[in-house]
Amino acid sequence: MHDVQEELHSARGALPWIHSASQPLFDLAYADDTLLMGTNVEVVQTALHSLQKIAKCYNLQLNKGKCELIRMFTDKGITFLPTELHPQGEAIKVVAQAKYLGVILTASGSASKDVEARITKAQAGMNSLAKFWAHSSLTKEWKIRVYKGTFIPMILYGMDTASLTAHNIQRLETFHHRALRRILGLKSTHYTKNIATNTNTTTISHADVRTLADNIPSIAQLLSQSRMKLLGHILRSPNEDLMKSTCLDNVLKYRTPKGKNRGGRPNLLWIDTAVREAWDQLLPMEVAHTVQGVFSYPTSILPIARLDSQRLFWRTEVVSGPTRFNETVAAAGAEETVVVDS
C-alpha cells in the first residue's frame, strides 16, 4: 500500500481523501483484508488498478471472487484491470452489504443487519449449550461467567463505534435478558402475567434478573461504558490520530458527510451520539452545574474535552457512571485535582 500511495501521489499530485485533504485516507488494511474507499467512482477505480499492478510486482494478486463493491448514491460500476478474457475489465460484484473484520457494512450505513446477524449467531450458540445451562451441578456463577466471557463479546464486539437506533438496542436487550432468564431458570414476564395458571406466580422484572445474575449491567449500560471510554480516548488523542481526524477537525468541530443526502431520516452521527451521552452523564452532577455557564447542550464539545483531560474524573464519573466522585478522589489520596472552572 505504501507503493500504491506513492504511485497515486505521483499520478494525481495528491492522495485521495474522504474527509480531509490534509489527512488523506482511502484505504484500510488488516492482514490480507483490504478496503478501498472514495468519494467518486474514478478515485476507487484508479486506486484498485494501481493496487493490482503493484501487487503483481510482488507476485501477488487479488482473489476476484471475494472482491465486492458497495455503492452509495451512484449506479456506476467498477472493473478490474483489462485482461485478454475481459478486454474492458471484469466488473466487480455489486452487493448491498459486505462483512469486513467481523462487521457487516451496508450501503445505507445502518447497523440493523449487523445486529440481526450477531443475535442470530449468539442465539445459536446459546441453544448449542442447552445442556450446560440446564446442568444442575454447575453453579450459577460459573454459567454467568461463561455467558459474560463468550456471548457478551459476541453481540457487542465493535458496537461502541456503531450508530445504533433505539430499536437496535432494544433487540440486543431482549436477547440479553432472555439469555439471563434461561441461565437462571426464570420465566418471562409475558408468561407469568398472561400464561401462568398459578395466580401466586411472581413476576420478575429485567432489573431484578440482572441483580440475580451477579449484578450484570444492561446492554445499554455496557454500550455506554464502551462508548464513553472510546470518546475519552479520541478526545485525548493528537489531531493526526485516525479515529479523531475522522470524527473531528482540528478545532473539535464535527466532521459531517458532504455531498448528496440520501432519502429518508438522516443517519445518526456517532460522534454526536457519544457527545450527547456524555452530556447526559455530566448534567445531573454537581460538578457539571458549577460550569453550567460554559455548557451549550447538547453539541458543545469543549467543556467535555476539558473534563476528559482529567482522566480520573472521566474514568470514575463518565465511563463508570455516577460513583460519588469526591469520595473516590479522597480514597485515592487526592492523586489528581479536578478543575471545573473554564
C-alpha atoms as a PDB file:
ATOM      1  CA  MET A   1       0.000   0.000   0.000  1.00  0.00           C
ATOM      2  CA  HIS A   2       2.997   2.284   0.510  1.00  0.00           C
ATOM      3  CA  ASP A   3       3.892   1.821  -3.153  1.00  0.00           C
ATOM      4  CA  VAL A   4       0.270   2.354  -4.179  1.00  0.00           C
ATOM      5  CA  GLN A   5       0.219   5.656  -2.304  1.00  0.00           C
ATOM      6  CA  GLU A   6       3.468   6.739  -3.987  1.00  0.00           C
ATOM      7  CA  GLU A   7       2.076   5.950  -7.441  1.00  0.00           C
ATOM      8  CA  LEU A   8      -1.233   7.705  -6.782  1.00  0.00           C
ATOM      9  CA  HIS A   9       0.552  10.755  -5.405  1.00  0.00           C
ATOM     10  CA  SER A  10       2.790  10.934  -8.499  1.00  0.00           C
ATOM     11  CA  ALA A  11      -0.120  10.489 -10.906  1.00  0.00           C
ATOM     12  CA  ARG A  12      -2.632  12.779  -9.178  1.00  0.00           C
ATOM     13  CA  GLY A  13      -0.438  15.224  -7.294  1.00  0.00           C
ATOM     14  CA  ALA A  14      -2.239  14.325  -4.063  1.00  0.00           C
ATOM     15  CA  LEU A  15      -3.623  11.264  -2.316  1.00  0.00           C
ATOM     16  CA  PRO A  16      -7.362  10.536  -2.392  1.00  0.00           C
ATOM     17  CA  TRP A  17      -9.296  11.563   0.693  1.00  0.00           C
ATOM     18  CA  ILE A  18     -12.805  11.121   2.074  1.00  0.00           C
ATOM     19  CA  HIS A  19     -12.907  13.620   4.929  1.00  0.00           C
ATOM     20  CA  SER A  20      -9.811  15.849   4.911  1.00  0.00           C
ATOM     21  CA  ALA A  21      -7.356  16.740   2.155  1.00  0.00           C
ATOM     22  CA  SER A  22      -4.685  17.436   4.789  1.00  0.00           C
ATOM     23  CA  GLN A  23      -5.202  13.960   6.267  1.00  0.00           C
ATOM     24  CA  PRO A  24      -5.777  11.780   3.177  1.00  0.00           C
ATOM     25  CA  LEU A  25      -7.446   8.416   3.674  1.00  0.00           C
ATOM     26  CA  PHE A  26      -8.622   5.980   1.021  1.00  0.00           C
ATOM     27  CA  ASP A  27      -7.714   2.526   2.339  1.00  0.00           C
ATOM     28  CA  LEU A  28      -7.826   0.358   5.433  1.00  0.00           C
ATOM     29  CA  ALA A  29      -5.778  -2.827   5.597  1.00  0.00           C
ATOM     30  CA  TYR A  30      -5.614  -5.627   8.132  1.00  0.00           C
ATOM     31  CA  ALA A  31      -3.527  -8.655   7.131  1.00  0.00           C
ATOM     32  CA  ASP A  32      -4.988  -9.625   3.726  1.00  0.00           C
ATOM     33  CA  ASP A  33      -8.310  -7.799   4.195  1.00  0.00           C
ATOM     34  CA  THR A  34      -8.148  -4.561   2.196  1.00  0.00           C
ATOM     35  CA  LEU A  35     -10.832  -1.894   1.988  1.00  0.00           C
ATOM     36  CA  LEU A  36     -10.656   0.879  -0.634  1.00  0.00           C
ATOM     37  CA  MET A  37     -12.820   3.991  -0.239  1.00  0.00           C
ATOM     38  CA  GLY A  38     -13.502   7.048  -2.344  1.00  0.00           C
ATOM     39  CA  THR A  39     -15.917   9.898  -2.890  1.00  0.00           C
ATOM     40  CA  ASN A  40     -16.406   9.003  -6.565  1.00  0.00           C
ATOM     41  CA  VAL A  41     -16.095   6.022  -8.892  1.00  0.00           C
ATOM     42  CA  GLU A  42     -12.994   7.287 -10.694  1.00  0.00           C
ATOM     43  CA  VAL A  43     -10.960   7.549  -7.492  1.00  0.00           C
ATOM     44  CA  VAL A  44     -11.745   3.990  -6.386  1.00  0.00           C
ATOM     45  CA  GLN A  45     -11.174   2.660  -9.914  1.00  0.00           C
ATOM     46  CA  THR A  46      -7.734   4.306 -10.102  1.00  0.00           C
ATOM     47  CA  ALA A  47      -6.748   3.040  -6.633  1.00  0.00           C
ATOM     48  CA  LEU A  48      -7.876  -0.514  -7.468  1.00  0.00           C
ATOM     49  CA  HIS A  49      -5.912  -0.642 -10.733  1.00  0.00           C
ATOM     50  CA  SER A  50      -2.823   0.726  -9.005  1.00  0.00           C
ATOM     51  CA  LEU A  51      -3.175  -1.920  -6.291  1.00  0.00           C
ATOM     52  CA  GLN A  52      -3.464  -4.689  -8.886  1.00  0.00           C
ATOM     53  CA  LYS A  53      -0.421  -3.529 -10.856  1.00  0.00           C
ATOM     54  CA  ILE A  54       1.830  -3.129  -7.823  1.00  0.00           C
ATOM     55  CA  ALA A  55       0.659  -6.385  -6.245  1.00  0.00           C
ATOM     56  CA  LYS A  56       1.714  -8.183  -9.432  1.00  0.00           C
ATOM     57  CA  CYS A  57       5.266  -6.864  -8.956  1.00  0.00           C
ATOM     58  CA  TYR A  58       5.326  -8.789  -5.649  1.00  0.00           C
ATOM     59  CA  ASN A  59       3.835 -11.910  -7.267  1.00  0.00           C
ATOM     60  CA  LEU A  60       0.514 -11.254  -5.525  1.00  0.00           C
ATOM     61  CA  GLN A  61      -2.994 -10.993  -6.931  1.00  0.00           C
ATOM     62  CA  LEU A  62      -6.496 -10.261  -5.716  1.00  0.00           C
ATOM     63  CA  ASN A  63      -8.973 -13.075  -5.169  1.00  0.00           C
ATOM     64  CA  LYS A  64     -11.574 -11.631  -7.531  1.00  0.00           C
ATOM     65  CA  GLY A  65     -14.250 -13.983  -6.281  1.00  0.00           C
ATOM     66  CA  LYS A  66     -14.038 -12.400  -2.833  1.00  0.00           C
ATOM     67  CA  CYS A  67     -13.939  -8.777  -4.018  1.00  0.00           C
ATOM     68  CA  GLU A  68     -17.206  -6.877  -3.521  1.00  0.00           C
ATOM     69  CA  LEU A  69     -18.423  -3.360  -4.236  1.00  0.00           C
ATOM     70  CA  ILE A  70     -20.798  -1.338  -2.063  1.00  0.00           C
ATOM     71  CA  ARG A  71     -22.202   1.731  -3.838  1.00  0.00           C
ATOM     72  CA  MET A  72     -23.749   4.837  -2.318  1.00  0.00           C
ATOM     73  CA  PHE A  73     -25.606   7.466  -4.393  1.00  0.00           C
ATOM     74  CA  THR A  74     -24.481   6.005  -7.717  1.00  0.00           C
ATOM     75  CA  ASP A  75     -25.322   3.208 -10.132  1.00  0.00           C
ATOM     76  CA  LYS A  76     -21.889   3.114 -11.773  1.00  0.00           C
ATOM     77  CA  GLY A  77     -19.724   0.031 -11.566  1.00  0.00           C
ATOM     78  CA  ILE A  78     -16.013  -0.594 -11.103  1.00  0.00           C
ATOM     79  CA  THR A  79     -13.886  -3.054 -13.069  1.00  0.00           C
ATOM     80  CA  PHE A  80     -10.609  -4.865 -12.588  1.00  0.00           C
ATOM     81  CA  LEU A  81      -7.665  -4.275 -14.935  1.00  0.00           C
ATOM     82  CA  PRO A  82      -8.367  -5.393 -18.531  1.00  0.00           C
ATOM     83  CA  THR A  83      -7.279  -8.917 -19.489  1.00  0.00           C
ATOM     84  CA  GLU A  84      -7.397 -10.974 -22.692  1.00  0.00           C
ATOM     85  CA  LEU A  85     -10.571 -12.631 -21.468  1.00  0.00           C
ATOM     86  CA  HIS A  86     -12.104  -9.315 -20.366  1.00  0.00           C
ATOM     87  CA  PRO A  87     -10.731  -6.501 -22.605  1.00  0.00           C
ATOM     88  CA  GLN A  88     -12.981  -3.914 -20.909  1.00  0.00           C
ATOM     89  CA  GLY A  89     -12.165  -5.194 -17.465  1.00  0.00           C
ATOM     90  CA  GLU A  90     -14.197  -7.670 -15.410  1.00  0.00           C
ATOM     91  CA  ALA A  91     -16.885  -5.970 -13.335  1.00  0.00           C
ATOM     92  CA  ILE A  92     -16.709  -6.286  -9.546  1.00  0.00           C
ATOM     93  CA  LYS A  93     -19.724  -7.928  -7.951  1.00  0.00           C
ATOM     94  CA  VAL A  94     -22.085  -5.287  -6.515  1.00  0.00           C
ATOM     95  CA  VAL A  95     -23.600  -6.102  -3.106  1.00  0.00           C
ATOM     96  CA  ALA A  96     -25.916  -4.323  -0.672  1.00  0.00           C
ATOM     97  CA  GLN A  97     -23.854  -5.462   2.309  1.00  0.00           C
ATOM     98  CA  ALA A  98     -20.447  -6.963   2.998  1.00  0.00           C
ATOM     99  CA  LYS A  99     -18.543  -8.208   6.031  1.00  0.00           C
ATOM    100  CA  TYR A 100     -15.248  -6.522   6.936  1.00  0.00           C
ATOM    101  CA  LEU A 101     -13.316  -7.566  10.052  1.00  0.00           C
ATOM    102  CA  GLY A 102     -16.391  -9.216  11.522  1.00  0.00           C
ATOM    103  CA  VAL A 103     -18.709  -6.233  10.992  1.00  0.00           C
ATOM    104  CA  ILE A 104     -21.450  -6.083   8.339  1.00  0.00           C
ATOM    105  CA  LEU A 105     -21.216  -2.868   6.310  1.00  0.00           C
ATOM    106  CA  THR A 106     -24.239  -1.709   4.321  1.00  0.00           C
ATOM    107  CA  ALA A 107     -24.861   0.869   1.629  1.00  0.00           C
ATOM    108  CA  SER A 108     -27.264   2.723   3.915  1.00  0.00           C
ATOM    109  CA  GLY A 109     -24.835   2.840   6.836  1.00  0.00           C
ATOM    110  CA  SER A 110     -27.409   1.121   9.052  1.00  0.00           C
ATOM    111  CA  ALA A 111     -26.243  -1.278  11.772  1.00  0.00           C
ATOM    112  CA  SER A 112     -29.504  -3.257  11.763  1.00  0.00           C
ATOM    113  CA  LYS A 113     -28.205  -6.105   9.574  1.00  0.00           C
ATOM    114  CA  ASP A 114     -25.138  -6.440  11.771  1.00  0.00           C
ATOM    115  CA  VAL A 115     -27.256  -6.511  14.941  1.00  0.00           C
ATOM    116  CA  GLU A 116     -29.543  -9.140  13.430  1.00  0.00           C
ATOM    117  CA  ALA A 117     -26.619 -11.346  12.396  1.00  0.00           C
ATOM    118  CA  ARG A 118     -24.992 -11.130  15.819  1.00  0.00           C
ATOM    119  CA  ILE A 119     -28.201 -12.039  17.649  1.00  0.00           C
ATOM    120  CA  THR A 120     -28.785 -14.993  15.307  1.00  0.00           C
ATOM    121  CA  LYS A 121     -25.262 -16.277  15.892  1.00  0.00           C
ATOM    122  CA  ALA A 122     -25.442 -15.767  19.667  1.00  0.00           C
ATOM    123  CA  GLN A 123     -28.845 -17.480  19.875  1.00  0.00           C
ATOM    124  CA  ALA A 124     -27.483 -20.491  18.005  1.00  0.00           C
ATOM    125  CA  GLY A 125     -24.606 -20.611  20.483  1.00  0.00           C
ATOM    126  CA  MET A 126     -26.990 -20.433  23.439  1.00  0.00           C
ATOM    127  CA  ASN A 127     -29.009 -23.316  22.002  1.00  0.00           C
ATOM    128  CA  SER A 128     -25.906 -25.451  21.453  1.00  0.00           C
ATOM    129  CA  LEU A 129     -25.112 -25.093  25.172  1.00  0.00           C
ATOM    130  CA  ALA A 130     -28.625 -26.049  26.297  1.00  0.00           C
ATOM    131  CA  LYS A 131     -27.366 -28.954  28.431  1.00  0.00           C
ATOM    132  CA  PHE A 132     -24.739 -26.710  30.025  1.00  0.00           C
ATOM    133  CA  TRP A 133     -27.315 -24.080  31.074  1.00  0.00           C
ATOM    134  CA  ALA A 134     -29.649 -26.760  32.464  1.00  0.00           C
ATOM    135  CA  HIS A 135     -26.944 -28.708  34.327  1.00  0.00           C
ATOM    136  CA  SER A 136     -27.920 -28.635  37.986  1.00  0.00           C
ATOM    137  CA  SER A 137     -24.464 -29.393  39.370  1.00  0.00           C
ATOM    138  CA  LEU A 138     -22.909 -26.306  37.786  1.00  0.00           C
ATOM    139  CA  THR A 139     -23.031 -23.101  39.808  1.00  0.00           C
ATOM    140  CA  LYS A 140     -24.890 -20.007  38.698  1.00  0.00           C
ATOM    141  CA  GLU A 141     -21.638 -18.021  38.982  1.00  0.00           C
ATOM    142  CA  TRP A 142     -19.862 -20.328  36.548  1.00  0.00           C
ATOM    143  CA  LYS A 143     -22.694 -20.123  33.987  1.00  0.00           C
ATOM    144  CA  ILE A 144     -22.781 -16.322  34.231  1.00  0.00           C
ATOM    145  CA  ARG A 145     -19.017 -16.212  33.811  1.00  0.00           C
ATOM    146  CA  VAL A 146     -19.242 -18.270  30.612  1.00  0.00           C
ATOM    147  CA  TYR A 147     -22.068 -16.075  29.312  1.00  0.00           C
ATOM    148  CA  LYS A 148     -20.166 -12.840  30.039  1.00  0.00           C
ATOM    149  CA  GLY A 149     -16.929 -14.141  28.542  1.00  0.00           C
ATOM    150  CA  THR A 150     -18.458 -15.628  25.387  1.00  0.00           C
ATOM    151  CA  PHE A 151     -21.807 -14.148  24.439  1.00  0.00           C
ATOM    152  CA  ILE A 152     -21.459 -10.522  25.566  1.00  0.00           C
ATOM    153  CA  PRO A 153     -18.399 -10.023  23.298  1.00  0.00           C
ATOM    154  CA  MET A 154     -20.230 -11.875  20.516  1.00  0.00           C
ATOM    155  CA  ILE A 155     -23.058  -9.339  20.393  1.00  0.00           C
ATOM    156  CA  LEU A 156     -21.133  -6.195  21.393  1.00  0.00           C
ATOM    157  CA  TYR A 157     -17.783  -6.504  19.562  1.00  0.00           C
ATOM    158  CA  GLY A 158     -17.208  -3.210  17.760  1.00  0.00           C
ATOM    159  CA  MET A 159     -20.661  -1.910  18.679  1.00  0.00           C
ATOM    160  CA  ASP A 160     -19.175   1.031  20.591  1.00  0.00           C
ATOM    161  CA  THR A 161     -18.416   2.556  17.171  1.00  0.00           C
ATOM    162  CA  ALA A 162     -21.818   1.800  15.619  1.00  0.00           C
ATOM    163  CA  SER A 163     -24.629   4.326  15.317  1.00  0.00           C
ATOM    164  CA  LEU A 164     -27.376   2.262  16.927  1.00  0.00           C
ATOM    165  CA  THR A 165     -31.041   3.168  16.929  1.00  0.00           C
ATOM    166  CA  ALA A 166     -33.325   2.634  19.930  1.00  0.00           C
ATOM    167  CA  HIS A 167     -34.772  -0.378  18.105  1.00  0.00           C
ATOM    168  CA  ASN A 168     -31.290  -1.896  17.650  1.00  0.00           C
ATOM    169  CA  ILE A 169     -30.534  -1.547  21.355  1.00  0.00           C
ATOM    170  CA  GLN A 170     -33.948  -2.964  22.310  1.00  0.00           C
ATOM    171  CA  ARG A 171     -33.298  -6.069  20.216  1.00  0.00           C
ATOM    172  CA  LEU A 172     -29.939  -6.592  21.924  1.00  0.00           C
ATOM    173  CA  GLU A 173     -31.566  -6.072  25.340  1.00  0.00           C
ATOM    174  CA  THR A 174     -34.241  -8.652  24.513  1.00  0.00           C
ATOM    175  CA  PHE A 175     -31.622 -11.283  23.693  1.00  0.00           C
ATOM    176  CA  HIS A 176     -29.620 -10.345  26.793  1.00  0.00           C
ATOM    177  CA  HIS A 177     -32.499 -10.744  29.231  1.00  0.00           C
ATOM    178  CA  ARG A 178     -33.860 -13.888  27.593  1.00  0.00           C
ATOM    179  CA  ALA A 179     -30.414 -15.451  27.865  1.00  0.00           C
ATOM    180  CA  LEU A 180     -30.097 -14.492  31.544  1.00  0.00           C
ATOM    181  CA  ARG A 181     -33.561 -15.883  32.333  1.00  0.00           C
ATOM    182  CA  ARG A 182     -32.605 -19.135  30.613  1.00  0.00           C
ATOM    183  CA  ILE A 183     -29.416 -19.405  32.634  1.00  0.00           C
ATOM    184  CA  LEU A 184     -31.228 -18.639  35.899  1.00  0.00           C
ATOM    185  CA  GLY A 185     -34.259 -20.787  35.081  1.00  0.00           C
ATOM    186  CA  LEU A 186     -36.702 -17.871  35.213  1.00  0.00           C
ATOM    187  CA  LYS A 187     -39.868 -17.460  33.153  1.00  0.00           C
ATOM    188  CA  SER A 188     -40.507 -14.361  31.056  1.00  0.00           C
ATOM    189  CA  THR A 189     -42.770 -11.582  32.311  1.00  0.00           C
ATOM    190  CA  HIS A 190     -45.190 -12.419  29.494  1.00  0.00           C
ATOM    191  CA  TYR A 191     -45.510 -15.975  30.795  1.00  0.00           C
ATOM    192  CA  THR A 192     -46.049 -15.019  34.435  1.00  0.00           C
ATOM    193  CA  LYS A 193     -48.563 -12.296  33.579  1.00  0.00           C
ATOM    194  CA  ASN A 194     -50.562 -13.873  30.756  1.00  0.00           C
ATOM    195  CA  ILE A 195     -49.977 -17.631  30.616  1.00  0.00           C
ATOM    196  CA  ALA A 196     -49.259 -18.998  34.097  1.00  0.00           C
ATOM    197  CA  THR A 197     -52.360 -20.532  35.710  1.00  0.00           C
ATOM    198  CA  ASN A 198     -50.954 -20.176  39.225  1.00  0.00           C
ATOM    199  CA  THR A 199     -52.042 -16.738  40.440  1.00  0.00           C
ATOM    200  CA  ASN A 200     -49.233 -16.748  43.013  1.00  0.00           C
ATOM    201  CA  THR A 201     -46.549 -16.807  40.326  1.00  0.00           C
ATOM    202  CA  THR A 202     -44.136 -13.919  40.901  1.00  0.00           C
ATOM    203  CA  THR A 203     -43.240 -11.645  38.020  1.00  0.00           C
ATOM    204  CA  ILE A 204     -39.540 -10.820  37.959  1.00  0.00           C
ATOM    205  CA  SER A 205     -38.521  -7.644  36.139  1.00  0.00           C
ATOM    206  CA  HIS A 206     -35.491  -7.306  33.873  1.00  0.00           C
ATOM    207  CA  ALA A 207     -33.748  -5.210  36.535  1.00  0.00           C
ATOM    208  CA  ASP A 208     -34.299  -7.966  39.107  1.00  0.00           C
ATOM    209  CA  VAL A 209     -32.965 -10.554  36.653  1.00  0.00           C
ATOM    210  CA  ARG A 210     -29.731  -8.568  36.230  1.00  0.00           C
ATOM    211  CA  THR A 211     -29.405  -8.294  40.014  1.00  0.00           C
ATOM    212  CA  LEU A 212     -29.824 -12.056  40.413  1.00  0.00           C
ATOM    213  CA  ALA A 213     -27.213 -12.547  37.661  1.00  0.00           C
ATOM    214  CA  ASP A 214     -24.458 -11.100  39.857  1.00  0.00           C
ATOM    215  CA  ASN A 215     -25.488  -7.500  39.060  1.00  0.00           C
ATOM    216  CA  ILE A 216     -24.638  -7.805  35.388  1.00  0.00           C
ATOM    217  CA  PRO A 217     -25.257  -4.470  33.567  1.00  0.00           C
ATOM    218  CA  SER A 218     -27.826  -3.974  30.821  1.00  0.00           C
ATOM    219  CA  ILE A 219     -26.728  -3.827  27.189  1.00  0.00           C
ATOM    220  CA  ALA A 220     -27.358  -0.068  27.158  1.00  0.00           C
ATOM    221  CA  GLN A 221     -25.053   0.360  30.175  1.00  0.00           C
ATOM    222  CA  LEU A 222     -22.319  -1.810  28.648  1.00  0.00           C
ATOM    223  CA  LEU A 223     -22.521   0.088  25.368  1.00  0.00           C
ATOM    224  CA  SER A 224     -22.438   3.417  27.176  1.00  0.00           C
ATOM    225  CA  GLN A 225     -19.330   2.470  29.145  1.00  0.00           C
ATOM    226  CA  SER A 226     -17.506   1.348  25.993  1.00  0.00           C
ATOM    227  CA  ARG A 227     -18.632   4.406  24.037  1.00  0.00           C
ATOM    228  CA  MET A 228     -17.565   6.842  26.772  1.00  0.00           C
ATOM    229  CA  LYS A 229     -14.198   5.102  27.112  1.00  0.00           C
ATOM    230  CA  LEU A 230     -13.652   5.410  23.355  1.00  0.00           C
ATOM    231  CA  LEU A 231     -14.829   9.044  23.312  1.00  0.00           C
ATOM    232  CA  GLY A 232     -12.354   9.886  26.064  1.00  0.00           C
ATOM    233  CA  HIS A 233      -9.544   8.195  24.124  1.00  0.00           C
ATOM    234  CA  ILE A 234     -10.456  10.122  20.954  1.00  0.00           C
ATOM    235  CA  LEU A 235     -10.606  13.495  22.708  1.00  0.00           C
ATOM    236  CA  ARG A 236      -7.190  12.952  24.326  1.00  0.00           C
ATOM    237  CA  SER A 237      -5.566  11.805  21.077  1.00  0.00           C
ATOM    238  CA  PRO A 238      -3.485  14.116  18.859  1.00  0.00           C
ATOM    239  CA  ASN A 239      -5.270  15.693  15.886  1.00  0.00           C
ATOM    240  CA  GLU A 240      -3.488  13.411  13.417  1.00  0.00           C
ATOM    241  CA  ASP A 241      -4.885  10.279  15.073  1.00  0.00           C
ATOM    242  CA  LEU A 242      -7.010   8.397  12.511  1.00  0.00           C
ATOM    243  CA  MET A 243     -10.075   7.950  14.722  1.00  0.00           C
ATOM    244  CA  LYS A 244     -10.001  11.560  15.873  1.00  0.00           C
ATOM    245  CA  SER A 245      -9.492  13.004  12.398  1.00  0.00           C
ATOM    246  CA  THR A 246     -12.448  11.058  11.003  1.00  0.00           C
ATOM    247  CA  CYS A 247     -14.749  12.352  13.781  1.00  0.00           C
ATOM    248  CA  LEU A 248     -13.446  15.867  14.475  1.00  0.00           C
ATOM    249  CA  ASP A 249     -11.419  18.561  12.751  1.00  0.00           C
ATOM    250  CA  ASN A 250      -8.546  20.454  14.389  1.00  0.00           C
ATOM    251  CA  VAL A 251     -10.916  22.780  16.282  1.00  0.00           C
ATOM    252  CA  LEU A 252     -13.098  19.910  17.549  1.00  0.00           C
ATOM    253  CA  LYS A 253     -15.876  20.541  15.053  1.00  0.00           C
ATOM    254  CA  TYR A 254     -17.858  17.510  13.906  1.00  0.00           C
ATOM    255  CA  ARG A 255     -16.983  16.109  10.520  1.00  0.00           C
ATOM    256  CA  THR A 256     -20.276  15.758   8.681  1.00  0.00           C
ATOM    257  CA  PRO A 257     -20.831  13.857   5.414  1.00  0.00           C
ATOM    258  CA  LYS A 258     -20.547  16.026   2.329  1.00  0.00           C
ATOM    259  CA  GLY A 259     -22.394  15.704  -0.936  1.00  0.00           C
ATOM    260  CA  LYS A 260     -25.826  14.411  -1.813  1.00  0.00           C
ATOM    261  CA  ASN A 261     -28.015  13.285   1.094  1.00  0.00           C
ATOM    262  CA  ARG A 262     -29.908  10.030   0.903  1.00  0.00           C
ATOM    263  CA  GLY A 263     -33.685   9.985   1.155  1.00  0.00           C
ATOM    264  CA  GLY A 264     -35.476   9.445   4.453  1.00  0.00           C
ATOM    265  CA  ARG A 265     -34.357  10.125   8.005  1.00  0.00           C
ATOM    266  CA  PRO A 266     -30.709  11.326   8.289  1.00  0.00           C
ATOM    267  CA  ASN A 267     -28.235   8.756   9.546  1.00  0.00           C
ATOM    268  CA  LEU A 268     -27.070   9.002  13.132  1.00  0.00           C
ATOM    269  CA  LEU A 269     -23.639  10.580  13.579  1.00  0.00           C
ATOM    270  CA  TRP A 270     -21.542   8.553  16.020  1.00  0.00           C
ATOM    271  CA  ILE A 271     -19.630  11.480  17.500  1.00  0.00           C
ATOM    272  CA  ASP A 272     -22.861  13.423  18.041  1.00  0.00           C
ATOM    273  CA  THR A 273     -24.460  10.436  19.802  1.00  0.00           C
ATOM    274  CA  ALA A 274     -21.397   9.973  22.023  1.00  0.00           C
ATOM    275  CA  VAL A 275     -21.165  13.665  22.995  1.00  0.00           C
ATOM    276  CA  ARG A 276     -24.876  13.854  23.811  1.00  0.00           C
ATOM    277  CA  GLU A 277     -24.485  10.782  26.005  1.00  0.00           C
ATOM    278  CA  ALA A 278     -21.535  12.354  27.822  1.00  0.00           C
ATOM    279  CA  TRP A 279     -23.639  15.464  28.483  1.00  0.00           C
ATOM    280  CA  ASP A 280     -26.437  13.299  29.856  1.00  0.00           C
ATOM    281  CA  GLN A 281     -23.922  11.779  32.281  1.00  0.00           C
ATOM    282  CA  LEU A 282     -22.467  15.118  33.346  1.00  0.00           C
ATOM    283  CA  LEU A 283     -25.512  17.361  33.665  1.00  0.00           C
ATOM    284  CA  PRO A 284     -27.022  15.732  36.791  1.00  0.00           C
ATOM    285  CA  MET A 285     -23.715  16.037  38.650  1.00  0.00           C
ATOM    286  CA  GLU A 286     -22.922  18.903  40.978  1.00  0.00           C
ATOM    287  CA  VAL A 287     -19.583  19.313  39.228  1.00  0.00           C
ATOM    288  CA  ALA A 288     -21.412  19.899  35.941  1.00  0.00           C
ATOM    289  CA  HIS A 289     -23.694  22.567  37.392  1.00  0.00           C
ATOM    290  CA  THR A 290     -20.694  24.597  38.545  1.00  0.00           C
ATOM    291  CA  VAL A 291     -19.704  25.028  34.885  1.00  0.00           C
ATOM    292  CA  GLN A 292     -23.223  25.371  33.552  1.00  0.00           C
ATOM    293  CA  GLY A 293     -22.317  28.717  32.062  1.00  0.00           C
ATOM    294  CA  VAL A 294     -19.960  27.147  29.537  1.00  0.00           C
ATOM    295  CA  PHE A 295     -22.356  24.354  28.612  1.00  0.00           C
ATOM    296  CA  SER A 296     -24.148  24.603  25.284  1.00  0.00           C
ATOM    297  CA  TYR A 297     -26.248  21.461  25.378  1.00  0.00           C
ATOM    298  CA  PRO A 298     -26.073  19.207  23.541  1.00  0.00           C
ATOM    299  CA  THR A 299     -23.472  19.959  20.894  1.00  0.00           C
ATOM    300  CA  SER A 300     -20.689  21.855  22.653  1.00  0.00           C
ATOM    301  CA  ILE A 301     -17.718  19.564  22.975  1.00  0.00           C
ATOM    302  CA  LEU A 302     -15.212  21.973  24.528  1.00  0.00           C
ATOM    303  CA  PRO A 303     -16.349  21.604  28.181  1.00  0.00           C
ATOM    304  CA  ILE A 304     -16.357  17.822  27.756  1.00  0.00           C
ATOM    305  CA  ALA A 305     -12.838  17.917  26.322  1.00  0.00           C
ATOM    306  CA  ARG A 306     -11.702  19.923  29.382  1.00  0.00           C
ATOM    307  CA  LEU A 307     -13.212  17.429  31.811  1.00  0.00           C
ATOM    308  CA  ASP A 308     -11.924  14.478  29.750  1.00  0.00           C
ATOM    309  CA  SER A 309      -8.361  15.742  30.185  1.00  0.00           C
ATOM    310  CA  GLN A 310      -8.758  14.885  33.875  1.00  0.00           C
ATOM    311  CA  ARG A 311      -8.625  11.133  33.434  1.00  0.00           C
ATOM    312  CA  LEU A 312      -9.573  10.085  36.962  1.00  0.00           C
ATOM    313  CA  PHE A 313     -12.753  12.134  36.758  1.00  0.00           C
ATOM    314  CA  TRP A 314     -13.622  10.796  33.314  1.00  0.00           C
ATOM    315  CA  ARG A 315     -12.917   7.198  34.323  1.00  0.00           C
ATOM    316  CA  THR A 316     -14.952   7.284  37.527  1.00  0.00           C
ATOM    317  CA  GLU A 317     -17.838   9.589  36.591  1.00  0.00           C
ATOM    318  CA  VAL A 318     -18.425   9.216  32.868  1.00  0.00           C
ATOM    319  CA  VAL A 319     -17.166   5.755  31.937  1.00  0.00           C
ATOM    320  CA  SER A 320     -18.261   4.014  35.133  1.00  0.00           C
ATOM    321  CA  GLY A 321     -21.279   6.238  35.755  1.00  0.00           C
ATOM    322  CA  PRO A 322     -22.151   8.195  38.918  1.00  0.00           C
ATOM    323  CA  THR A 323     -19.893   6.906  41.694  1.00  0.00           C
ATOM    324  CA  ARG A 324     -19.676   9.777  44.193  1.00  0.00           C
ATOM    325  CA  PHE A 325     -16.529  11.162  42.632  1.00  0.00           C
ATOM    326  CA  ASN A 326     -15.305  13.177  45.612  1.00  0.00           C
ATOM    327  CA  GLU A 327     -15.136  10.071  47.806  1.00  0.00           C
ATOM    328  CA  THR A 328     -13.212   8.263  45.073  1.00  0.00           C
ATOM    329  CA  VAL A 329     -10.630  11.031  44.922  1.00  0.00           C
ATOM    330  CA  ALA A 330     -10.309  11.052  48.716  1.00  0.00           C
ATOM    331  CA  ALA A 331      -9.800   7.294  48.766  1.00  0.00           C
ATOM    332  CA  ALA A 332      -7.121   7.628  46.109  1.00  0.00           C
ATOM    333  CA  GLY A 333      -5.248  10.144  48.242  1.00  0.00           C
ATOM    334  CA  ALA A 334      -6.307  13.110  46.106  1.00  0.00           C
ATOM    335  CA  GLU A 335      -3.882  11.982  43.429  1.00  0.00           C
ATOM    336  CA  GLU A 336      -5.489  14.263  40.856  1.00  0.00           C
ATOM    337  CA  THR A 337      -7.130  17.653  41.253  1.00  0.00           C
ATOM    338  CA  VAL A 338     -10.301  18.265  39.273  1.00  0.00           C
ATOM    339  CA  VAL A 339     -10.555  21.787  37.898  1.00  0.00           C
ATOM    340  CA  VAL A 340     -14.026  22.604  36.603  1.00  0.00           C
ATOM    341  CA  ASP A 341     -13.630  26.357  36.136  1.00  0.00           C
ATOM    342  CA  SER A 342     -13.315  27.199  32.443  1.00  0.00           C
END
